[in-house]
Amino acid sequence: MNDEFIRQTNNYATLTWLGNPIWQNIADLWVTQEVISALRPSLIIETGTNRGGSSLFYAHLMDLLGHGSVITMDVKKMHNISHPRVTCLIGDSIAQSMVSRVREAAEKVTGHVLVILDSDHSTGHVCKELEAYHSVVTPGSYVLVQDGITDTLPAAAAWRPGPLPAIEAFLAENPSFAIDQALCHTFPISHHPKGWLKKLV
C-alpha cells in the first residue's frame, strides 16, 4: 500500500500546503496535527526545512490554537516562506553553534517542546541529532524521528542504514523515552515506523 502511494505522488513531492510544497505523507501529517492539538507546544524544533511547507503547516496550526512558535533549520535555504511564528535558521543541525542557539531558545519557553527530525536520515546523523536535541523535549512530549521507512522499503535500499538503527541505539541508552506505538500505528501506512518517541519523565 505504501508503495502505491509513493509511486502515485512521487513520494509526496507534488503535495502542497496552501500552495507551498510540503513533501510529507498526508497520513503522518494528520497524526502530527493531532499531537500538536493535544500538546499545544510552546515550541516546535524542526531539522530539515526543505521547501518550508511543514513548518508553515505547524505555524498555521499554532495560529488556530493561539499559541506557540517554530524554529526550523537546514543547511541551505530552499523556500520563500515567511510567518511571524517561524524562525528559519541556516546551518547544520548538529553544529555546536546551532545546537546551542536552539537549546537557548527552548530554555526560555514554559510549555511543551516538540522536536521533529527530518534532515539527513543517515544513521550517524540521526544519532547525533537525537543526542543534541533529546534533552530539550519536555516530559509527555515527543521527538519525532521521520522517514524510518528508508530502512524497510525495498525501493529505499540505497539510503540505508537510516533512522531505525539510530532509534534503537538511542532507546537502549535513554530509558526515559519509549516508542508511542499507538501514534506509530494510527494508520496502516506511515513514513515514520517507530518514529514517535515519547519522553516519559
N, C-alpha and C. Protein backbone atom coordinates (compact mmCIF):
# COMPACT_ATOMS: atom_id res chain seq x y z
N MET A 1 0.83 -1.21 0.00
CA MET A 1 0.00 0.00 0.00
C MET A 1 0.86 1.26 0.00
N ASN A 2 1.90 1.29 0.85
CA ASN A 2 2.79 2.44 0.89
C ASN A 2 3.45 2.65 -0.46
N ASP A 3 3.85 1.53 -1.11
CA ASP A 3 4.49 1.63 -2.42
C ASP A 3 3.58 2.35 -3.42
N GLU A 4 2.28 2.05 -3.38
CA GLU A 4 1.35 2.65 -4.32
C GLU A 4 1.24 4.15 -4.10
N PHE A 5 1.14 4.56 -2.82
CA PHE A 5 1.07 5.99 -2.52
C PHE A 5 2.33 6.70 -2.97
N ILE A 6 3.49 6.09 -2.75
CA ILE A 6 4.76 6.70 -3.11
C ILE A 6 4.87 6.86 -4.62
N ARG A 7 4.48 5.85 -5.36
CA ARG A 7 4.52 5.94 -6.82
C ARG A 7 3.55 7.00 -7.34
N GLN A 8 2.34 6.99 -6.82
CA GLN A 8 1.31 7.91 -7.30
C GLN A 8 1.68 9.37 -7.05
N THR A 9 2.35 9.65 -5.95
CA THR A 9 2.65 11.03 -5.55
C THR A 9 4.11 11.42 -5.76
N ASN A 10 4.91 10.52 -6.38
CA ASN A 10 6.35 10.76 -6.47
C ASN A 10 6.92 11.01 -5.08
N ASN A 11 6.56 10.11 -4.17
CA ASN A 11 6.95 10.21 -2.75
C ASN A 11 6.51 11.55 -2.15
N TYR A 12 5.30 11.96 -2.48
CA TYR A 12 4.64 13.14 -1.92
C TYR A 12 5.29 14.45 -2.36
N ALA A 13 6.14 14.39 -3.38
CA ALA A 13 6.86 15.58 -3.83
C ALA A 13 5.94 16.62 -4.46
N THR A 14 4.75 16.20 -4.90
CA THR A 14 3.85 17.14 -5.56
C THR A 14 2.80 17.72 -4.61
N LEU A 15 2.80 17.29 -3.35
CA LEU A 15 1.79 17.78 -2.41
C LEU A 15 2.16 19.16 -1.88
N THR A 16 1.13 19.97 -1.64
CA THR A 16 1.35 21.33 -1.14
C THR A 16 0.45 21.63 0.05
N TRP A 17 0.88 22.57 0.86
CA TRP A 17 0.05 23.13 1.92
C TRP A 17 -0.17 24.60 1.59
N LEU A 18 -1.41 24.96 1.25
CA LEU A 18 -1.75 26.31 0.82
C LEU A 18 -0.78 26.81 -0.25
N GLY A 19 -0.49 25.93 -1.19
CA GLY A 19 0.36 26.29 -2.32
C GLY A 19 1.84 26.11 -2.10
N ASN A 20 2.25 25.74 -0.89
CA ASN A 20 3.67 25.57 -0.57
C ASN A 20 4.02 24.08 -0.54
N PRO A 21 5.09 23.67 -1.26
CA PRO A 21 5.48 22.25 -1.23
C PRO A 21 5.72 21.78 0.20
N ILE A 22 5.13 20.65 0.55
CA ILE A 22 5.24 20.16 1.93
C ILE A 22 5.98 18.83 2.03
N TRP A 23 5.93 18.02 1.00
CA TRP A 23 6.75 16.81 0.91
C TRP A 23 6.60 15.92 2.14
N GLN A 24 5.36 15.64 2.52
CA GLN A 24 5.08 14.81 3.68
C GLN A 24 3.95 13.83 3.37
N ASN A 25 4.04 12.66 3.96
CA ASN A 25 2.96 11.68 3.91
C ASN A 25 1.74 12.28 4.62
N ILE A 26 0.61 12.36 3.92
CA ILE A 26 -0.54 13.04 4.48
C ILE A 26 -1.10 12.34 5.72
N ALA A 27 -0.97 11.02 5.79
CA ALA A 27 -1.42 10.31 7.00
C ALA A 27 -0.56 10.70 8.19
N ASP A 28 0.74 10.84 7.98
CA ASP A 28 1.64 11.26 9.05
C ASP A 28 1.36 12.69 9.48
N LEU A 29 1.04 13.55 8.51
CA LEU A 29 0.70 14.94 8.85
C LEU A 29 -0.53 15.00 9.75
N TRP A 30 -1.50 14.13 9.47
CA TRP A 30 -2.72 14.13 10.28
C TRP A 30 -2.40 13.75 11.72
N VAL A 31 -1.57 12.73 11.90
CA VAL A 31 -1.17 12.33 13.26
C VAL A 31 -0.42 13.47 13.94
N THR A 32 0.44 14.14 13.21
CA THR A 32 1.21 15.24 13.79
C THR A 32 0.31 16.37 14.25
N GLN A 33 -0.72 16.69 13.46
CA GLN A 33 -1.61 17.77 13.89
C GLN A 33 -2.41 17.35 15.12
N GLU A 34 -2.72 16.07 15.26
CA GLU A 34 -3.42 15.61 16.47
C GLU A 34 -2.51 15.77 17.70
N VAL A 35 -1.23 15.46 17.54
CA VAL A 35 -0.28 15.62 18.64
C VAL A 35 -0.14 17.10 18.99
N ILE A 36 -0.01 17.96 17.99
CA ILE A 36 0.12 19.39 18.25
C ILE A 36 -1.12 19.92 18.94
N SER A 37 -2.29 19.48 18.51
CA SER A 37 -3.54 19.92 19.14
C SER A 37 -3.61 19.49 20.60
N ALA A 38 -3.18 18.26 20.89
CA ALA A 38 -3.25 17.75 22.26
C ALA A 38 -2.20 18.39 23.16
N LEU A 39 -0.98 18.55 22.64
CA LEU A 39 0.12 19.08 23.46
C LEU A 39 0.10 20.60 23.58
N ARG A 40 -0.36 21.27 22.52
CA ARG A 40 -0.26 22.73 22.42
C ARG A 40 1.16 23.19 22.76
N PRO A 41 2.14 22.72 22.00
CA PRO A 41 3.53 23.02 22.35
C PRO A 41 3.84 24.51 22.26
N SER A 42 4.69 24.96 23.15
CA SER A 42 5.17 26.33 23.08
C SER A 42 6.21 26.48 21.98
N LEU A 43 6.91 25.38 21.69
CA LEU A 43 7.96 25.43 20.68
C LEU A 43 8.05 24.10 19.95
N ILE A 44 8.10 24.18 18.63
CA ILE A 44 8.43 23.04 17.79
C ILE A 44 9.80 23.31 17.17
N ILE A 45 10.70 22.36 17.33
CA ILE A 45 12.03 22.43 16.72
C ILE A 45 12.06 21.44 15.57
N GLU A 46 12.30 21.94 14.36
CA GLU A 46 12.31 21.09 13.18
C GLU A 46 13.68 21.15 12.52
N THR A 47 14.29 19.99 12.31
CA THR A 47 15.50 19.94 11.50
C THR A 47 15.11 19.48 10.10
N GLY A 48 15.62 20.18 9.08
CA GLY A 48 15.26 19.84 7.71
C GLY A 48 14.09 20.66 7.21
N THR A 49 14.30 21.95 6.98
CA THR A 49 13.23 22.83 6.50
C THR A 49 12.77 22.46 5.10
N ASN A 50 13.74 22.14 4.23
CA ASN A 50 13.47 21.84 2.84
C ASN A 50 12.67 22.97 2.19
N ARG A 51 11.49 22.68 1.66
CA ARG A 51 10.71 23.72 0.96
C ARG A 51 9.83 24.54 1.90
N GLY A 52 9.86 24.23 3.18
CA GLY A 52 9.20 25.08 4.17
C GLY A 52 7.74 24.80 4.44
N GLY A 53 7.13 23.89 3.66
CA GLY A 53 5.70 23.66 3.82
C GLY A 53 5.31 23.11 5.17
N SER A 54 6.14 22.22 5.73
CA SER A 54 5.76 21.62 7.01
C SER A 54 5.85 22.63 8.15
N SER A 55 6.88 23.47 8.16
CA SER A 55 6.97 24.47 9.23
C SER A 55 5.82 25.48 9.12
N LEU A 56 5.41 25.78 7.90
CA LEU A 56 4.26 26.67 7.72
C LEU A 56 2.98 25.99 8.20
N PHE A 57 2.86 24.70 7.93
CA PHE A 57 1.72 23.91 8.40
C PHE A 57 1.64 23.96 9.93
N TYR A 58 2.77 23.75 10.61
CA TYR A 58 2.80 23.79 12.07
C TYR A 58 2.42 25.19 12.57
N ALA A 59 2.93 26.21 11.90
CA ALA A 59 2.64 27.58 12.32
C ALA A 59 1.16 27.92 12.18
N HIS A 60 0.54 27.44 11.11
CA HIS A 60 -0.89 27.71 10.91
C HIS A 60 -1.73 26.98 11.96
N LEU A 61 -1.31 25.77 12.35
CA LEU A 61 -2.00 25.09 13.44
C LEU A 61 -1.87 25.90 14.73
N MET A 62 -0.69 26.45 14.95
CA MET A 62 -0.48 27.27 16.15
C MET A 62 -1.31 28.56 16.09
N ASP A 63 -1.49 29.09 14.90
CA ASP A 63 -2.40 30.24 14.77
C ASP A 63 -3.79 29.87 15.26
N LEU A 64 -4.27 28.72 14.86
CA LEU A 64 -5.60 28.28 15.27
C LEU A 64 -5.68 28.05 16.78
N LEU A 65 -4.58 27.54 17.35
CA LEU A 65 -4.52 27.29 18.79
C LEU A 65 -4.21 28.56 19.58
N GLY A 66 -3.71 29.57 18.89
CA GLY A 66 -3.36 30.82 19.55
C GLY A 66 -2.14 30.73 20.43
N HIS A 67 -1.20 29.84 20.06
CA HIS A 67 -0.08 29.59 20.97
C HIS A 67 1.05 28.89 20.24
N GLY A 68 2.30 29.31 20.51
CA GLY A 68 3.45 28.55 20.06
C GLY A 68 4.25 29.17 18.94
N SER A 69 5.46 28.63 18.75
CA SER A 69 6.34 29.09 17.68
C SER A 69 7.15 27.91 17.15
N VAL A 70 7.80 28.13 16.01
CA VAL A 70 8.56 27.09 15.32
C VAL A 70 9.97 27.59 15.05
N ILE A 71 10.96 26.78 15.35
CA ILE A 71 12.32 27.00 14.87
C ILE A 71 12.62 25.89 13.89
N THR A 72 12.97 26.26 12.66
CA THR A 72 13.28 25.27 11.64
C THR A 72 14.65 25.56 11.06
N MET A 73 15.38 24.52 10.70
CA MET A 73 16.76 24.72 10.23
C MET A 73 17.10 23.79 9.08
N ASP A 74 18.00 24.28 8.23
CA ASP A 74 18.50 23.47 7.12
C ASP A 74 19.86 24.03 6.71
N VAL A 75 20.61 23.25 5.95
CA VAL A 75 21.95 23.67 5.56
C VAL A 75 21.91 24.74 4.48
N LYS A 76 20.80 24.86 3.76
CA LYS A 76 20.65 25.95 2.80
C LYS A 76 19.18 26.31 2.67
N LYS A 77 18.92 27.51 2.18
CA LYS A 77 17.55 27.97 2.03
C LYS A 77 16.99 27.52 0.70
N MET A 78 15.84 26.81 0.76
CA MET A 78 15.19 26.32 -0.45
C MET A 78 13.72 26.72 -0.49
N HIS A 79 13.38 27.83 0.16
CA HIS A 79 11.98 28.22 0.27
C HIS A 79 11.87 29.74 0.36
N ASN A 80 10.63 30.21 0.27
CA ASN A 80 10.36 31.64 0.41
C ASN A 80 9.28 31.90 1.45
N ILE A 81 9.11 30.97 2.39
CA ILE A 81 8.04 31.14 3.36
C ILE A 81 8.39 32.24 4.37
N SER A 82 7.35 32.85 4.88
CA SER A 82 7.52 33.86 5.92
C SER A 82 6.28 33.82 6.80
N HIS A 83 6.50 33.70 8.10
CA HIS A 83 5.40 33.66 9.05
C HIS A 83 5.92 34.14 10.39
N PRO A 84 5.15 34.96 11.10
CA PRO A 84 5.66 35.51 12.38
C PRO A 84 5.97 34.47 13.44
N ARG A 85 5.40 33.29 13.33
CA ARG A 85 5.68 32.25 14.33
C ARG A 85 6.90 31.39 13.96
N VAL A 86 7.45 31.57 12.76
CA VAL A 86 8.52 30.71 12.26
C VAL A 86 9.85 31.44 12.21
N THR A 87 10.86 30.85 12.85
CA THR A 87 12.24 31.33 12.74
C THR A 87 13.02 30.32 11.92
N CYS A 88 13.59 30.77 10.81
CA CYS A 88 14.35 29.90 9.91
C CYS A 88 15.84 30.12 10.14
N LEU A 89 16.54 29.04 10.43
CA LEU A 89 17.98 29.10 10.64
C LEU A 89 18.68 28.34 9.51
N ILE A 90 19.84 28.86 9.12
CA ILE A 90 20.65 28.19 8.09
C ILE A 90 21.91 27.65 8.74
N GLY A 91 22.10 26.34 8.62
CA GLY A 91 23.27 25.71 9.20
C GLY A 91 23.02 24.23 9.45
N ASP A 92 24.08 23.53 9.77
CA ASP A 92 24.00 22.10 10.07
C ASP A 92 23.33 21.91 11.43
N SER A 93 22.34 21.06 11.47
CA SER A 93 21.58 20.87 12.72
C SER A 93 22.43 20.34 13.86
N ILE A 94 23.55 19.70 13.57
CA ILE A 94 24.38 19.14 14.64
C ILE A 94 25.61 19.99 14.92
N ALA A 95 25.74 21.14 14.24
CA ALA A 95 26.83 22.06 14.55
C ALA A 95 26.61 22.62 15.95
N GLN A 96 27.67 22.75 16.74
CA GLN A 96 27.52 23.18 18.12
C GLN A 96 26.88 24.56 18.24
N SER A 97 27.21 25.46 17.29
CA SER A 97 26.62 26.80 17.33
C SER A 97 25.11 26.74 17.15
N MET A 98 24.66 25.86 16.27
CA MET A 98 23.23 25.71 16.02
C MET A 98 22.54 25.06 17.23
N VAL A 99 23.13 24.02 17.75
CA VAL A 99 22.55 23.32 18.90
C VAL A 99 22.43 24.26 20.09
N SER A 100 23.47 25.05 20.34
CA SER A 100 23.46 25.98 21.47
C SER A 100 22.35 27.02 21.31
N ARG A 101 22.19 27.52 20.09
CA ARG A 101 21.16 28.54 19.85
C ARG A 101 19.76 27.98 20.08
N VAL A 102 19.54 26.76 19.61
CA VAL A 102 18.22 26.15 19.76
C VAL A 102 17.95 25.80 21.22
N ARG A 103 18.93 25.25 21.91
CA ARG A 103 18.75 24.93 23.32
C ARG A 103 18.43 26.18 24.13
N GLU A 104 19.11 27.26 23.79
CA GLU A 104 18.86 28.54 24.47
C GLU A 104 17.41 28.98 24.30
N ALA A 105 16.91 28.85 23.08
CA ALA A 105 15.52 29.23 22.81
C ALA A 105 14.56 28.33 23.57
N ALA A 106 14.87 27.03 23.63
CA ALA A 106 14.00 26.08 24.33
C ALA A 106 13.94 26.37 25.82
N GLU A 107 15.04 26.82 26.38
CA GLU A 107 15.08 27.11 27.82
C GLU A 107 14.19 28.29 28.19
N LYS A 108 13.85 29.12 27.23
CA LYS A 108 13.07 30.33 27.51
C LYS A 108 11.56 30.09 27.50
N VAL A 109 11.12 28.95 26.99
CA VAL A 109 9.68 28.70 26.94
C VAL A 109 9.24 27.92 28.17
N THR A 110 7.98 28.06 28.52
CA THR A 110 7.46 27.42 29.73
C THR A 110 6.57 26.21 29.44
N GLY A 111 6.17 26.03 28.19
CA GLY A 111 5.29 24.91 27.87
C GLY A 111 6.05 23.76 27.23
N HIS A 112 5.31 22.92 26.53
CA HIS A 112 5.91 21.74 25.90
C HIS A 112 6.84 22.12 24.75
N VAL A 113 7.88 21.32 24.58
CA VAL A 113 8.78 21.43 23.44
C VAL A 113 8.71 20.11 22.67
N LEU A 114 8.42 20.21 21.39
CA LEU A 114 8.31 19.07 20.48
C LEU A 114 9.44 19.16 19.46
N VAL A 115 10.17 18.06 19.25
CA VAL A 115 11.28 18.04 18.31
C VAL A 115 10.92 17.12 17.14
N ILE A 116 11.15 17.59 15.92
CA ILE A 116 10.88 16.81 14.71
C ILE A 116 12.15 16.75 13.88
N LEU A 117 12.69 15.55 13.69
CA LEU A 117 13.94 15.36 12.97
C LEU A 117 13.66 14.91 11.54
N ASP A 118 13.98 15.77 10.57
CA ASP A 118 13.66 15.48 9.17
C ASP A 118 14.74 16.04 8.24
N SER A 119 15.99 15.91 8.64
CA SER A 119 17.07 16.38 7.77
C SER A 119 17.79 15.19 7.14
N ASP A 120 19.07 15.06 7.36
CA ASP A 120 19.85 13.92 6.88
C ASP A 120 19.38 12.67 7.64
N HIS A 121 18.89 11.66 6.91
CA HIS A 121 18.31 10.49 7.56
C HIS A 121 19.29 9.34 7.75
N SER A 122 20.56 9.56 7.52
CA SER A 122 21.54 8.50 7.74
C SER A 122 21.66 8.20 9.23
N THR A 123 21.99 6.96 9.54
CA THR A 123 22.04 6.53 10.94
C THR A 123 22.93 7.44 11.79
N GLY A 124 24.13 7.72 11.30
CA GLY A 124 25.07 8.52 12.08
C GLY A 124 24.55 9.91 12.38
N HIS A 125 23.93 10.54 11.37
CA HIS A 125 23.42 11.90 11.58
C HIS A 125 22.24 11.90 12.54
N VAL A 126 21.34 10.95 12.39
CA VAL A 126 20.18 10.89 13.29
C VAL A 126 20.64 10.63 14.73
N CYS A 127 21.64 9.78 14.90
CA CYS A 127 22.19 9.56 16.24
C CYS A 127 22.66 10.87 16.86
N LYS A 128 23.36 11.67 16.06
CA LYS A 128 23.89 12.94 16.57
C LYS A 128 22.77 13.94 16.86
N GLU A 129 21.73 13.95 16.01
CA GLU A 129 20.60 14.84 16.28
C GLU A 129 19.86 14.43 17.55
N LEU A 130 19.66 13.15 17.73
CA LEU A 130 19.00 12.68 18.96
C LEU A 130 19.81 13.07 20.19
N GLU A 131 21.11 12.90 20.11
CA GLU A 131 21.97 13.28 21.23
C GLU A 131 21.90 14.78 21.49
N ALA A 132 21.84 15.56 20.42
CA ALA A 132 21.85 17.02 20.54
C ALA A 132 20.55 17.59 21.09
N TYR A 133 19.42 17.00 20.72
CA TYR A 133 18.13 17.66 20.98
C TYR A 133 17.19 16.93 21.94
N HIS A 134 17.49 15.70 22.32
CA HIS A 134 16.52 14.99 23.16
C HIS A 134 16.34 15.67 24.52
N SER A 135 17.37 16.35 24.99
CA SER A 135 17.30 16.94 26.33
C SER A 135 16.33 18.12 26.41
N VAL A 136 15.96 18.73 25.27
CA VAL A 136 15.03 19.86 25.32
C VAL A 136 13.58 19.41 25.27
N VAL A 137 13.35 18.13 24.98
CA VAL A 137 11.98 17.61 24.93
C VAL A 137 11.41 17.55 26.35
N THR A 138 10.22 18.07 26.52
CA THR A 138 9.59 18.11 27.84
C THR A 138 8.88 16.79 28.14
N PRO A 139 8.77 16.41 29.41
CA PRO A 139 8.04 15.19 29.76
C PRO A 139 6.62 15.20 29.19
N GLY A 140 6.24 14.09 28.57
CA GLY A 140 4.93 13.99 27.95
C GLY A 140 4.92 14.40 26.49
N SER A 141 6.00 15.05 26.05
CA SER A 141 6.12 15.45 24.65
C SER A 141 6.96 14.42 23.90
N TYR A 142 7.36 14.77 22.68
CA TYR A 142 7.97 13.78 21.79
C TYR A 142 9.17 14.34 21.04
N VAL A 143 10.01 13.42 20.61
CA VAL A 143 10.88 13.65 19.46
C VAL A 143 10.38 12.71 18.37
N LEU A 144 10.02 13.29 17.24
CA LEU A 144 9.54 12.51 16.10
C LEU A 144 10.70 12.32 15.13
N VAL A 145 11.13 11.08 14.96
CA VAL A 145 12.20 10.77 14.02
C VAL A 145 11.54 10.34 12.70
N GLN A 146 11.68 11.16 11.69
CA GLN A 146 10.96 10.92 10.45
C GLN A 146 11.74 10.00 9.49
N ASP A 147 10.97 9.36 8.63
CA ASP A 147 11.48 8.60 7.48
C ASP A 147 12.27 7.35 7.81
N GLY A 148 11.90 6.67 8.90
CA GLY A 148 12.44 5.34 9.16
C GLY A 148 12.05 4.34 8.09
N ILE A 149 11.12 4.72 7.22
CA ILE A 149 10.70 3.85 6.12
C ILE A 149 11.87 3.51 5.20
N THR A 150 12.90 4.34 5.19
CA THR A 150 14.06 4.04 4.34
C THR A 150 14.72 2.72 4.74
N ASP A 151 14.52 2.29 5.99
CA ASP A 151 15.11 1.03 6.44
C ASP A 151 14.21 -0.17 6.17
N THR A 152 13.01 0.06 5.66
CA THR A 152 12.07 -1.04 5.44
C THR A 152 11.58 -1.16 4.01
N LEU A 153 11.61 -0.08 3.26
CA LEU A 153 11.05 -0.07 1.91
C LEU A 153 12.11 -0.54 0.91
N PRO A 154 11.80 -1.57 0.12
CA PRO A 154 12.79 -2.08 -0.83
C PRO A 154 13.35 -1.00 -1.76
N ALA A 155 12.50 -0.07 -2.20
CA ALA A 155 12.95 0.95 -3.14
C ALA A 155 13.92 1.95 -2.50
N ALA A 156 14.01 1.95 -1.18
CA ALA A 156 14.87 2.91 -0.48
C ALA A 156 16.17 2.30 0.00
N ALA A 157 16.51 1.13 -0.50
CA ALA A 157 17.69 0.40 -0.01
C ALA A 157 18.97 1.21 -0.15
N ALA A 158 19.04 2.06 -1.15
CA ALA A 158 20.27 2.84 -1.38
C ALA A 158 20.55 3.84 -0.27
N TRP A 159 19.53 4.18 0.52
CA TRP A 159 19.71 5.19 1.58
C TRP A 159 19.94 4.57 2.96
N ARG A 160 20.16 3.27 3.01
CA ARG A 160 20.38 2.61 4.30
C ARG A 160 21.86 2.59 4.67
N PRO A 161 22.16 2.46 5.95
CA PRO A 161 21.25 2.41 7.10
C PRO A 161 20.70 3.80 7.43
N GLY A 162 19.42 3.82 7.80
CA GLY A 162 18.73 5.07 8.05
C GLY A 162 18.40 5.28 9.51
N PRO A 163 17.23 5.86 9.79
CA PRO A 163 16.89 6.24 11.16
C PRO A 163 16.64 5.10 12.13
N LEU A 164 16.15 3.95 11.67
CA LEU A 164 15.76 2.90 12.62
C LEU A 164 16.91 2.41 13.50
N PRO A 165 18.09 2.14 12.98
CA PRO A 165 19.19 1.77 13.88
C PRO A 165 19.53 2.87 14.88
N ALA A 166 19.39 4.12 14.46
CA ALA A 166 19.64 5.24 15.38
C ALA A 166 18.61 5.27 16.50
N ILE A 167 17.35 5.02 16.16
CA ILE A 167 16.29 4.98 17.17
C ILE A 167 16.56 3.87 18.18
N GLU A 168 16.91 2.71 17.68
CA GLU A 168 17.15 1.57 18.57
C GLU A 168 18.34 1.82 19.49
N ALA A 169 19.41 2.41 18.95
CA ALA A 169 20.57 2.72 19.78
C ALA A 169 20.23 3.77 20.83
N PHE A 170 19.46 4.77 20.43
CA PHE A 170 19.06 5.83 21.36
C PHE A 170 18.22 5.29 22.50
N LEU A 171 17.23 4.47 22.19
CA LEU A 171 16.34 3.93 23.22
C LEU A 171 17.10 3.02 24.19
N ALA A 172 18.09 2.31 23.70
CA ALA A 172 18.89 1.43 24.56
C ALA A 172 19.65 2.23 25.62
N GLU A 173 19.97 3.49 25.29
CA GLU A 173 20.75 4.33 26.21
C GLU A 173 19.89 5.34 26.96
N ASN A 174 18.62 5.46 26.58
CA ASN A 174 17.76 6.51 27.17
C ASN A 174 16.41 5.93 27.58
N PRO A 175 16.35 5.28 28.72
CA PRO A 175 15.10 4.65 29.16
C PRO A 175 13.99 5.63 29.49
N SER A 176 14.28 6.92 29.53
CA SER A 176 13.23 7.91 29.78
C SER A 176 12.39 8.16 28.54
N PHE A 177 12.76 7.55 27.41
CA PHE A 177 11.98 7.64 26.18
C PHE A 177 11.46 6.27 25.79
N ALA A 178 10.30 6.23 25.17
CA ALA A 178 9.73 4.97 24.67
C ALA A 178 8.93 5.25 23.41
N ILE A 179 8.85 4.26 22.53
CA ILE A 179 8.06 4.39 21.31
C ILE A 179 6.58 4.43 21.67
N ASP A 180 5.88 5.43 21.16
CA ASP A 180 4.42 5.50 21.32
C ASP A 180 3.81 4.69 20.17
N GLN A 181 3.52 3.44 20.45
CA GLN A 181 3.05 2.53 19.41
C GLN A 181 1.71 2.97 18.82
N ALA A 182 0.86 3.54 19.65
CA ALA A 182 -0.45 3.97 19.16
C ALA A 182 -0.31 5.03 18.07
N LEU A 183 0.59 5.98 18.28
CA LEU A 183 0.80 7.02 17.26
C LEU A 183 1.45 6.43 16.01
N CYS A 184 2.38 5.53 16.22
CA CYS A 184 3.08 4.93 15.07
C CYS A 184 2.16 4.09 14.20
N HIS A 185 1.07 3.59 14.78
CA HIS A 185 0.18 2.69 14.05
C HIS A 185 -1.24 3.24 13.92
N THR A 186 -1.37 4.57 13.96
CA THR A 186 -2.69 5.18 13.77
C THR A 186 -3.27 4.79 12.42
N PHE A 187 -2.43 4.79 11.39
CA PHE A 187 -2.83 4.43 10.03
C PHE A 187 -1.98 3.26 9.55
N PRO A 188 -2.47 2.48 8.59
CA PRO A 188 -1.69 1.33 8.11
C PRO A 188 -0.49 1.73 7.27
N ILE A 189 -0.39 3.01 6.89
CA ILE A 189 0.79 3.47 6.17
C ILE A 189 1.44 4.61 6.95
N SER A 190 2.75 4.64 6.98
CA SER A 190 3.49 5.70 7.65
C SER A 190 4.91 5.72 7.12
N HIS A 191 5.48 6.91 7.05
CA HIS A 191 6.90 7.04 6.71
C HIS A 191 7.77 6.96 7.97
N HIS A 192 7.13 6.88 9.14
CA HIS A 192 7.88 7.02 10.38
C HIS A 192 7.70 5.82 11.33
N PRO A 193 7.99 4.60 10.87
CA PRO A 193 7.87 3.46 11.80
C PRO A 193 8.79 3.65 13.01
N LYS A 194 8.25 3.40 14.19
CA LYS A 194 8.97 3.56 15.46
C LYS A 194 9.42 5.01 15.69
N GLY A 195 8.83 5.95 14.95
CA GLY A 195 9.34 7.32 14.98
C GLY A 195 8.88 8.20 16.11
N TRP A 196 7.72 7.89 16.72
CA TRP A 196 7.21 8.75 17.79
C TRP A 196 7.81 8.31 19.13
N LEU A 197 8.79 9.04 19.60
CA LEU A 197 9.49 8.71 20.85
C LEU A 197 9.02 9.66 21.94
N LYS A 198 8.30 9.11 22.91
CA LYS A 198 7.72 9.92 23.97
C LYS A 198 8.65 10.00 25.17
N LYS A 199 8.81 11.21 25.69
CA LYS A 199 9.59 11.38 26.91
C LYS A 199 8.68 11.08 28.10
N LEU A 200 9.05 10.09 28.88
CA LEU A 200 8.18 9.63 29.95
C LEU A 200 8.34 10.46 31.22
N VAL A 201 9.56 10.82 31.55
CA VAL A 201 9.82 11.61 32.78
C VAL A 201 10.83 12.70 32.48
